[in-house]
Amino acid sequence: MTQGSYDIVIAGGGLGGATLGRTLAGAGARTLIVERETTFRDRVRGEGIFPWGVVEARSLGVLHLLLDDGAHVVPFWKRYLGPGVTDCRDLPATTPAHTACLNFYHPAMQRTLLDAAQASGATVWRGAEIVGIDPADEVSHTSVAEIRMDGGYHRVTARLVVGADGRRSTVRRMAGFTVQRDPERLIVAGALYEGLDAPEDAVHHFPCPALGQTSLIYPVGRQRFRTYFVSCAGQLAHPVSGSAHLAEFQAACANSGVPHEWFDHARAVGPLAAYPGADSWVEHPYDRGVVLVGDAAAASDPSWGAGLSLTLRDVRVLLDRLLANEDWDAAAHAYAFEHDRYYGALHRVHDWLAQLLYERGKFADERRARVLPCFAMEPDRVPDIRGLGPEAPSDEAARRRFFVEDGLLPRDA
């Protein structure tokens, strides 16, 4: 078994791990990134960064890398009622930082950022995984990670071990963090299409609250579109997953309002997969020399599209604390406290949206009949999750205003 010593060991070379490793290595920290995959492949996951996340990407110095690699700038968000556009939001004109969405093919993003981390001086081990962790103690103040690679084992010490290894994080499990989960409420199915007959300058959003379902189409450039169908858990007889169910998937999207003809000349160029849309998270994602970021810290319900933006917020906040404080234990605790605040805010707003748009039954139908017309007259009742993200108001007054429980009539009523 070989030995080694680093300032930081990062499990996961995706958006969070590669961005964190690139900056720390560039600042002179001895950085090791451990990535399980030797080749990144399409697995139906995030490809869109909201405007508030693009601000984070710019501050982290990776926005230009993504743009140079062909990331697709999307200035509009179009909402439909059936096939007709009911609202077209000009994102650069209406967001605080005058920023569009940024979409990309996920494996390409991973390759670009992991290569950039290596070019900045980070050591990158591919086809490797952390199989054991001894968290820091009061004597050594360093953590120990055991890593398996090429049939051998390596034992390395680090001031900090970072779990950036996704919603099924092995670092989180080995370090003994307790995971909390929302009840299963939504199911998300997604596929990548080429040649879909849809404009590439907008994210296309087809909400259908009456049926408890939604379709979303994200253009990722070069006439490719990630297409999603979201429905209530248990609504369908079986998950829409696997290539044999592509026709069923397209029919479900059309049932939400996507024009049938958009699929006429399209072909699927990636897997069709379905997965639960519930949050899972760790309260205070730092303990004894092990810190969690991205989905390992809090996997936001992918139905709302904030996962990559949240990951970038995690990385920026953690970096700010580490670079400002030699005491990395105190810095990581400061990050964890801040993480609980902004993730909690985002989680609350997403929960309100899910209650309003997806809950079934007489009370839910009556609430929608009361609330949705008020949104049409006063759009600012809806928290701006695309422009503001977790900085959108999420206190009790905001909740009451969202559900039109504030005792006020819309201004134009």
Protein backbone atom coordinates (compact mmCIF):
# COMPACT_ATOMS: atom_id res chain seq x y z
CA MET A 1 0.00 0.00 0.00
CA THR A 2 1.44 3.34 -1.06
CA GLN A 3 1.28 6.49 1.06
CA GLY A 4 0.73 10.14 0.16
CA SER A 5 -0.07 13.51 1.67
CA TYR A 6 -2.31 16.28 0.30
CA ASP A 7 -4.01 19.40 1.54
CA ILE A 8 -7.32 18.29 0.06
CA VAL A 9 -8.67 15.06 -1.41
CA ILE A 10 -11.83 15.39 -3.51
CA ALA A 11 -14.06 12.43 -4.34
CA GLY A 12 -15.74 13.14 -7.66
CA GLY A 13 -14.51 14.96 -10.74
CA GLY A 14 -17.80 16.44 -11.89
CA LEU A 15 -18.93 20.05 -11.81
CA GLY A 16 -18.36 20.53 -8.08
CA GLY A 17 -15.21 18.48 -7.58
CA ALA A 18 -13.40 19.68 -10.69
CA THR A 19 -14.25 23.35 -10.10
CA LEU A 20 -13.17 23.17 -6.46
CA GLY A 21 -9.98 21.29 -7.32
CA ARG A 22 -9.06 23.68 -10.14
CA THR A 23 -9.23 26.75 -7.92
CA LEU A 24 -7.48 25.24 -4.91
CA ALA A 25 -4.68 23.77 -7.01
CA GLY A 26 -4.25 27.13 -8.71
CA ALA A 27 -3.95 28.72 -5.27
CA GLY A 28 -1.13 26.35 -4.38
CA ALA A 29 -2.97 23.68 -2.39
CA ARG A 30 -1.81 20.09 -2.88
CA THR A 31 -4.97 18.73 -4.47
CA LEU A 32 -6.00 15.18 -5.38
CA ILE A 33 -9.20 14.49 -7.32
CA VAL A 34 -10.42 10.89 -7.27
CA GLU A 35 -12.83 10.10 -10.12
CA ARG A 36 -14.46 6.70 -10.50
CA GLU A 37 -15.26 6.97 -14.21
CA THR A 38 -12.59 6.57 -16.85
CA THR A 39 -14.98 7.85 -19.53
CA PHE A 40 -17.91 10.16 -18.82
CA ARG A 41 -21.17 9.01 -20.38
CA ASP A 42 -24.72 10.30 -20.66
CA ARG A 43 -26.81 9.23 -17.69
CA VAL A 44 -29.77 11.68 -17.91
CA ARG A 45 -28.73 14.32 -15.45
CA GLY A 46 -28.41 18.07 -15.14
CA GLU A 47 -27.42 20.11 -18.14
CA GLY A 48 -28.81 23.54 -17.28
CA ILE A 49 -27.53 26.32 -15.04
CA PHE A 50 -30.03 28.99 -14.03
CA PRO A 51 -29.02 32.66 -14.22
CA TRP A 52 -28.18 32.78 -10.49
CA GLY A 53 -25.91 29.77 -11.01
CA VAL A 54 -24.26 31.38 -14.04
CA VAL A 55 -23.27 34.22 -11.71
CA GLU A 56 -21.56 31.63 -9.50
CA ALA A 57 -19.82 30.05 -12.51
CA ARG A 58 -18.48 33.45 -13.52
CA SER A 59 -17.17 34.19 -10.02
CA LEU A 60 -15.49 30.77 -9.93
CA GLY A 61 -13.71 31.42 -13.23
CA VAL A 62 -15.23 28.50 -15.13
CA LEU A 63 -17.85 30.27 -17.22
CA HIS A 64 -15.41 31.02 -20.04
CA LEU A 65 -14.25 27.39 -20.05
CA LEU A 66 -17.80 26.17 -20.57
CA LEU A 67 -18.51 28.76 -23.26
CA ASP A 68 -15.28 27.98 -25.09
CA ASP A 69 -16.27 24.31 -25.08
CA GLY A 70 -19.58 25.03 -26.76
CA ALA A 71 -22.02 25.55 -23.89
CA HIS A 72 -25.30 26.91 -25.21
CA VAL A 73 -26.55 30.32 -24.03
CA VAL A 74 -30.36 30.35 -23.70
CA PRO A 75 -31.83 33.84 -23.21
CA PHE A 76 -35.54 32.99 -22.97
CA TRP A 77 -37.82 30.91 -20.78
CA LYS A 78 -41.10 30.12 -22.56
CA ARG A 79 -44.11 28.86 -20.66
CA TYR A 80 -46.96 27.26 -22.59
CA LEU A 81 -50.60 26.49 -22.06
CA GLY A 82 -51.08 23.63 -24.47
CA PRO A 83 -49.09 24.40 -27.63
CA GLY A 84 -49.44 28.19 -27.27
CA VAL A 85 -46.86 30.40 -25.53
CA THR A 86 -48.44 32.17 -22.55
CA ASP A 87 -45.29 33.84 -21.28
CA CYS A 88 -41.82 34.45 -22.73
CA ARG A 89 -39.36 35.72 -20.16
CA ASP A 90 -36.30 37.57 -21.43
CA LEU A 91 -33.83 36.39 -18.81
CA PRO A 92 -30.97 38.87 -19.44
CA ALA A 93 -33.49 41.72 -19.27
CA THR A 94 -35.25 40.56 -16.09
CA THR A 95 -32.64 38.92 -13.83
CA PRO A 96 -30.53 40.85 -11.32
CA ALA A 97 -27.23 40.13 -13.07
CA HIS A 98 -28.76 40.35 -16.58
CA THR A 99 -27.84 36.72 -17.20
CA ALA A 100 -29.23 33.96 -19.43
CA CYS A 101 -29.42 30.24 -18.72
CA LEU A 102 -26.41 28.17 -19.73
CA ASN A 103 -27.01 24.63 -21.02
CA PHE A 104 -24.53 21.93 -22.06
CA TYR A 105 -24.07 18.24 -22.63
CA HIS A 106 -23.15 16.93 -19.18
CA PRO A 107 -20.27 14.58 -20.14
CA ALA A 108 -18.62 17.35 -22.19
CA MET A 109 -18.79 19.69 -19.20
CA GLN A 110 -17.18 17.07 -16.97
CA ARG A 111 -14.31 16.46 -19.39
CA THR A 112 -13.65 20.18 -19.82
CA LEU A 113 -13.55 21.03 -16.13
CA LEU A 114 -11.59 17.98 -15.04
CA ASP A 115 -8.96 18.70 -17.72
CA ALA A 116 -8.84 22.29 -16.48
CA ALA A 117 -8.29 21.13 -12.91
CA GLN A 118 -5.40 18.95 -14.00
CA ALA A 119 -3.94 21.81 -16.03
CA SER A 120 -4.06 23.99 -12.89
CA GLY A 121 -1.91 21.52 -10.98
CA ALA A 122 -4.38 19.13 -9.40
CA THR A 123 -3.46 15.45 -9.37
CA VAL A 124 -6.28 13.47 -11.00
CA TRP A 125 -6.75 9.73 -10.53
CA ARG A 126 -9.26 8.21 -12.97
CA GLY A 127 -10.82 4.79 -12.49
CA ALA A 128 -10.29 5.22 -8.75
CA GLU A 129 -12.56 5.36 -5.72
CA ILE A 130 -12.30 6.11 -2.04
CA VAL A 131 -13.11 2.92 -0.13
CA GLY A 132 -12.37 4.02 3.42
CA ILE A 133 -12.12 7.19 5.50
CA ASP A 134 -10.70 7.83 8.94
CA PRO A 135 -12.00 11.29 9.87
CA ALA A 136 -9.73 13.81 11.56
CA ASP A 137 -9.29 13.65 15.31
CA GLU A 138 -8.16 16.18 17.91
CA VAL A 139 -4.59 14.85 17.84
CA SER A 140 -3.75 14.54 14.14
CA HIS A 141 -6.14 17.16 12.66
CA THR A 142 -5.89 15.26 9.38
CA SER A 143 -8.16 12.77 7.69
CA VAL A 144 -7.04 9.54 6.04
CA ALA A 145 -8.56 8.25 2.81
CA GLU A 146 -7.99 4.77 1.46
CA ILE A 147 -8.22 4.71 -2.34
CA ARG A 148 -8.50 1.75 -4.66
CA MET A 149 -7.02 2.12 -8.15
CA ASP A 150 -5.59 -0.30 -10.72
CA GLY A 151 -6.04 -3.21 -8.34
CA GLY A 152 -3.94 -1.57 -5.66
CA TYR A 153 -4.62 0.49 -2.57
CA HIS A 154 -3.29 3.91 -1.62
CA ARG A 155 -3.54 5.50 1.79
CA VAL A 156 -3.36 9.29 1.75
CA THR A 157 -3.68 11.96 4.41
CA ALA A 158 -5.39 15.30 3.91
CA ARG A 159 -6.35 18.41 5.82
CA LEU A 160 -9.78 18.04 4.25
CA VAL A 161 -11.65 15.30 2.39
CA VAL A 162 -14.47 16.51 0.14
CA GLY A 163 -17.40 14.37 -0.92
CA ALA A 164 -18.43 15.70 -4.33
CA ASP A 165 -19.59 12.26 -5.40
CA GLY A 166 -23.30 12.72 -5.94
CA ARG A 167 -26.60 11.82 -4.34
CA ARG A 168 -25.41 8.29 -3.52
CA SER A 169 -22.17 9.57 -2.01
CA THR A 170 -19.91 6.89 -0.58
CA VAL A 171 -17.88 9.55 1.25
CA ARG A 172 -21.04 10.66 3.05
CA ARG A 173 -21.82 7.09 4.09
CA MET A 174 -18.29 6.25 5.22
CA ALA A 175 -18.01 9.46 7.23
CA GLY A 176 -21.24 8.67 9.07
CA PHE A 177 -23.45 11.57 8.01
CA THR A 178 -27.19 11.19 8.55
CA VAL A 179 -29.28 11.69 5.42
CA GLN A 180 -32.78 13.13 5.50
CA ARG A 181 -35.24 12.59 2.66
CA ASP A 182 -38.52 14.00 1.52
CA PRO A 183 -41.35 11.57 0.81
CA GLU A 184 -41.49 10.44 -2.79
CA ARG A 185 -43.75 12.89 -4.60
CA LEU A 186 -42.63 13.27 -8.23
CA ILE A 187 -41.10 11.04 -10.89
CA VAL A 188 -38.86 12.52 -13.58
CA ALA A 189 -38.21 10.82 -16.93
CA GLY A 190 -35.72 12.25 -19.40
CA ALA A 191 -34.14 11.58 -22.78
CA LEU A 192 -31.79 13.38 -25.16
CA TYR A 193 -33.11 14.08 -28.66
CA GLU A 194 -31.41 15.33 -31.77
CA GLY A 195 -33.35 17.27 -34.40
CA LEU A 196 -36.33 18.17 -32.24
CA ASP A 197 -38.27 20.87 -34.12
CA ALA A 198 -38.13 23.44 -31.31
CA PRO A 199 -36.43 26.84 -31.10
CA GLU A 200 -32.98 26.66 -29.52
CA ASP A 201 -33.13 30.10 -27.89
CA ALA A 202 -35.44 29.10 -25.04
CA VAL A 203 -36.14 26.56 -22.36
CA HIS A 204 -39.65 25.31 -23.15
CA HIS A 205 -41.87 24.72 -20.13
CA PHE A 206 -45.23 22.94 -20.48
CA PRO A 207 -46.92 22.85 -17.04
CA CYS A 208 -50.23 21.00 -16.82
CA PRO A 209 -51.42 21.30 -13.20
CA ALA A 210 -54.85 19.89 -14.03
CA LEU A 211 -53.19 16.56 -14.87
CA GLY A 212 -50.38 16.83 -12.30
CA GLN A 213 -47.64 16.73 -14.91
CA THR A 214 -45.10 18.91 -16.71
CA SER A 215 -42.75 18.69 -19.68
CA LEU A 216 -39.51 20.65 -19.98
CA ILE A 217 -37.21 20.93 -22.98
CA TYR A 218 -33.66 22.22 -22.59
CA PRO A 219 -31.69 22.94 -25.78
CA VAL A 220 -28.05 21.99 -25.23
CA GLY A 221 -26.69 23.10 -28.61
CA ARG A 222 -26.09 21.51 -32.02
CA GLN A 223 -29.79 20.69 -32.41
CA ARG A 224 -29.82 18.51 -29.29
CA PHE A 225 -32.51 18.83 -26.64
CA ARG A 226 -32.81 17.25 -23.22
CA THR A 227 -36.50 16.53 -22.80
CA TYR A 228 -38.20 15.78 -19.47
CA PHE A 229 -41.59 14.56 -18.36
CA VAL A 230 -42.51 15.06 -14.69
CA SER A 231 -45.51 13.40 -13.07
CA CYS A 232 -46.83 12.59 -9.62
CA ALA A 233 -45.48 9.41 -8.09
CA GLY A 234 -47.88 6.56 -8.72
CA GLN A 235 -49.71 8.42 -11.49
CA LEU A 236 -48.39 6.12 -14.22
CA ALA A 237 -48.71 2.34 -14.23
CA HIS A 238 -44.93 1.96 -14.52
CA PRO A 239 -41.85 4.21 -14.83
CA VAL A 240 -41.26 5.50 -18.36
CA SER A 241 -37.72 4.19 -18.69
CA GLY A 242 -35.76 2.31 -21.34
CA SER A 243 -35.73 2.63 -25.12
CA ALA A 244 -38.81 0.41 -25.49
CA HIS A 245 -40.88 3.20 -23.90
CA LEU A 246 -39.80 6.12 -26.13
CA ALA A 247 -43.17 6.29 -27.89
CA GLU A 248 -44.93 6.32 -24.52
CA PHE A 249 -42.57 9.07 -23.33
CA GLN A 250 -43.28 11.23 -26.38
CA ALA A 251 -47.03 10.70 -25.95
CA ALA A 252 -46.78 11.79 -22.30
CA CYS A 253 -44.89 14.95 -23.32
CA ALA A 254 -47.53 15.68 -25.97
CA ASN A 255 -50.23 15.16 -23.34
CA SER A 256 -48.62 17.98 -21.36
CA GLY A 257 -48.76 20.27 -24.37
CA VAL A 258 -45.58 19.64 -26.38
CA PRO A 259 -46.55 19.82 -30.07
CA HIS A 260 -46.61 16.34 -31.62
CA GLU A 261 -44.83 17.62 -34.72
CA TRP A 262 -41.74 18.61 -32.74
CA PHE A 263 -40.89 14.91 -32.60
CA ASP A 264 -41.57 14.18 -36.30
CA HIS A 265 -37.92 14.25 -37.39
CA ALA A 266 -36.26 13.81 -33.99
CA ARG A 267 -34.31 10.79 -32.84
CA ALA A 268 -33.22 9.78 -29.36
CA VAL A 269 -29.44 9.94 -29.00
CA GLY A 270 -29.20 9.00 -25.34
CA PRO A 271 -30.89 6.74 -22.82
CA LEU A 272 -34.44 7.18 -21.56
CA ALA A 273 -34.36 6.94 -17.77
CA ALA A 274 -36.72 7.74 -14.91
CA TYR A 275 -35.88 8.54 -11.32
CA PRO A 276 -37.52 9.90 -8.14
CA GLY A 277 -37.84 13.63 -7.69
CA ALA A 278 -37.47 13.95 -3.93
CA ASP A 279 -34.87 15.98 -2.02
CA SER A 280 -32.24 14.31 0.15
CA TRP A 281 -29.90 16.33 2.33
CA VAL A 282 -27.53 16.44 5.29
CA GLU A 283 -27.91 18.98 8.06
CA HIS A 284 -24.59 20.79 8.52
CA PRO A 285 -22.54 18.95 5.84
CA TYR A 286 -19.19 19.06 7.64
CA ASP A 287 -17.74 16.91 10.39
CA ARG A 288 -14.20 16.04 11.51
CA GLY A 289 -12.29 16.91 8.37
CA VAL A 290 -14.93 15.69 5.88
CA VAL A 291 -17.11 18.17 3.96
CA LEU A 292 -19.87 17.53 1.42
CA VAL A 293 -20.79 19.63 -1.62
CA GLY A 294 -23.29 19.33 -4.45
CA ASP A 295 -25.73 16.43 -4.42
CA ALA A 296 -23.76 14.74 -1.64
CA ALA A 297 -24.69 17.65 0.64
CA ALA A 298 -28.18 18.27 -0.71
CA ALA A 299 -29.74 16.70 -3.79
CA SER A 300 -32.43 19.15 -4.84
CA ASP A 301 -35.52 17.68 -6.53
CA PRO A 302 -34.44 17.69 -10.20
CA SER A 303 -37.97 18.65 -11.25
CA TRP A 304 -37.03 22.25 -10.46
CA GLY A 305 -33.69 22.29 -12.30
CA ALA A 306 -31.58 23.95 -9.59
CA GLY A 307 -29.09 21.14 -8.87
CA LEU A 308 -26.09 22.42 -10.86
CA SER A 309 -26.63 26.00 -9.71
CA LEU A 310 -26.76 24.79 -6.11
CA THR A 311 -23.52 22.85 -6.60
CA LEU A 312 -21.76 25.97 -7.87
CA ARG A 313 -23.05 27.93 -4.87
CA ASP A 314 -21.63 25.24 -2.56
CA VAL A 315 -18.22 25.39 -4.22
CA ARG A 316 -18.04 29.16 -4.20
CA VAL A 317 -19.06 29.46 -0.53
CA LEU A 318 -16.66 26.71 0.56
CA LEU A 319 -13.80 28.23 -1.45
CA ASP A 320 -14.43 31.68 -0.04
CA ARG A 321 -14.18 30.31 3.48
CA LEU A 322 -11.11 28.12 2.85
CA LEU A 323 -9.15 30.84 1.08
CA ALA A 324 -9.94 33.38 3.81
CA ASN A 325 -9.07 31.26 6.85
CA GLU A 326 -6.00 29.12 7.56
CA ASP A 327 -8.09 27.18 10.06
CA TRP A 328 -9.86 24.90 7.59
CA ASP A 329 -11.90 23.26 10.32
CA ALA A 330 -13.47 26.61 11.21
CA ALA A 331 -13.81 27.50 7.52
CA ALA A 332 -15.66 24.27 6.72
CA HIS A 333 -18.00 24.75 9.66
CA ALA A 334 -18.75 28.28 8.41
CA TYR A 335 -19.57 26.84 4.98
CA ALA A 336 -21.89 24.23 6.51
CA PHE A 337 -23.84 26.83 8.48
CA GLU A 338 -24.25 28.96 5.36
CA HIS A 339 -25.20 25.92 3.28
CA ASP A 340 -28.04 25.08 5.65
CA ARG A 341 -29.41 28.62 5.21
CA TYR A 342 -29.47 28.85 1.42
CA TYR A 343 -30.38 25.23 0.76
CA GLY A 344 -33.19 25.48 3.30
CA ALA A 345 -34.56 28.55 1.52
CA LEU A 346 -34.50 26.83 -1.87
CA HIS A 347 -36.09 23.69 -0.43
CA ARG A 348 -38.97 25.67 1.06
CA VAL A 349 -39.80 27.40 -2.21
CA HIS A 350 -39.63 24.17 -4.20
CA ASP A 351 -41.98 22.56 -1.69
CA TRP A 352 -44.52 25.36 -2.14
CA LEU A 353 -44.39 24.92 -5.90
CA ALA A 354 -44.83 21.16 -5.65
CA GLN A 355 -47.81 21.53 -3.32
CA LEU A 356 -49.50 23.99 -5.64
CA LEU A 357 -48.82 22.35 -8.98
CA TYR A 358 -48.84 18.64 -8.24
CA GLU A 359 -51.01 17.83 -5.23
CA ARG A 360 -54.27 16.05 -6.08
CA GLY A 361 -57.74 16.26 -4.58
CA LYS A 362 -60.58 18.72 -4.07
CA PHE A 363 -58.64 21.06 -1.78
CA ALA A 364 -55.68 21.19 -4.18
CA ASP A 365 -57.98 21.88 -7.14
CA GLU A 366 -59.76 24.68 -5.26
CA ARG A 367 -56.44 26.17 -4.20
CA ARG A 368 -55.18 26.23 -7.78
CA ALA A 369 -58.42 27.84 -8.93
CA ARG A 370 -57.88 30.59 -6.37
CA VAL A 371 -54.12 31.06 -6.64
CA LEU A 372 -53.23 30.71 -10.34
CA PRO A 373 -55.42 33.62 -11.53
CA CYS A 374 -53.73 35.81 -8.92
CA PHE A 375 -50.33 34.84 -10.34
CA ALA A 376 -51.50 35.97 -13.77
CA MET A 377 -52.34 39.40 -12.36
CA GLU A 378 -49.42 39.65 -9.93
CA PRO A 379 -46.52 37.51 -11.20
CA ASP A 380 -44.24 38.71 -8.41
CA ARG A 381 -46.20 36.51 -6.00
CA VAL A 382 -44.13 33.62 -7.40
CA PRO A 383 -40.57 33.41 -5.98
CA ASP A 384 -38.03 33.93 -8.77
CA ILE A 385 -36.21 30.59 -8.57
CA ARG A 386 -34.42 31.19 -11.89
CA GLY A 387 -33.15 34.69 -11.31
CA LEU A 388 -32.73 34.73 -7.53
CA GLY A 389 -32.59 31.07 -6.51
CA PRO A 390 -32.21 30.77 -2.73
CA GLU A 391 -32.19 34.55 -2.34
CA ALA A 392 -35.85 34.71 -3.33
CA PRO A 393 -38.01 35.50 -0.26
CA SER A 394 -38.98 32.30 1.54
CA ASP A 395 -40.19 33.46 4.95
CA GLU A 396 -43.71 33.08 6.30
CA ALA A 397 -44.87 36.34 4.72
CA ALA A 398 -43.62 35.11 1.33
CA ARG A 399 -45.39 31.77 1.82
CA ARG A 400 -48.67 33.46 2.67
CA ARG A 401 -48.34 35.73 -0.35
CA PHE A 402 -47.54 32.78 -2.62
CA PHE A 403 -50.64 30.87 -1.53
CA VAL A 404 -52.74 34.10 -1.52
CA GLU A 405 -53.32 33.81 2.22
CA ASP A 406 -52.24 37.40 2.86
CA GLY A 407 -55.78 38.76 2.96
CA LEU A 408 -55.11 41.03 0.01
CA LEU A 409 -56.84 41.04 -3.35
CA PRO A 410 -54.67 41.24 -6.46
CA ARG A 411 -54.18 44.86 -7.47
CA ASP A 412 -56.26 44.50 -10.64
CA ALA A 413 -58.98 42.27 -9.18
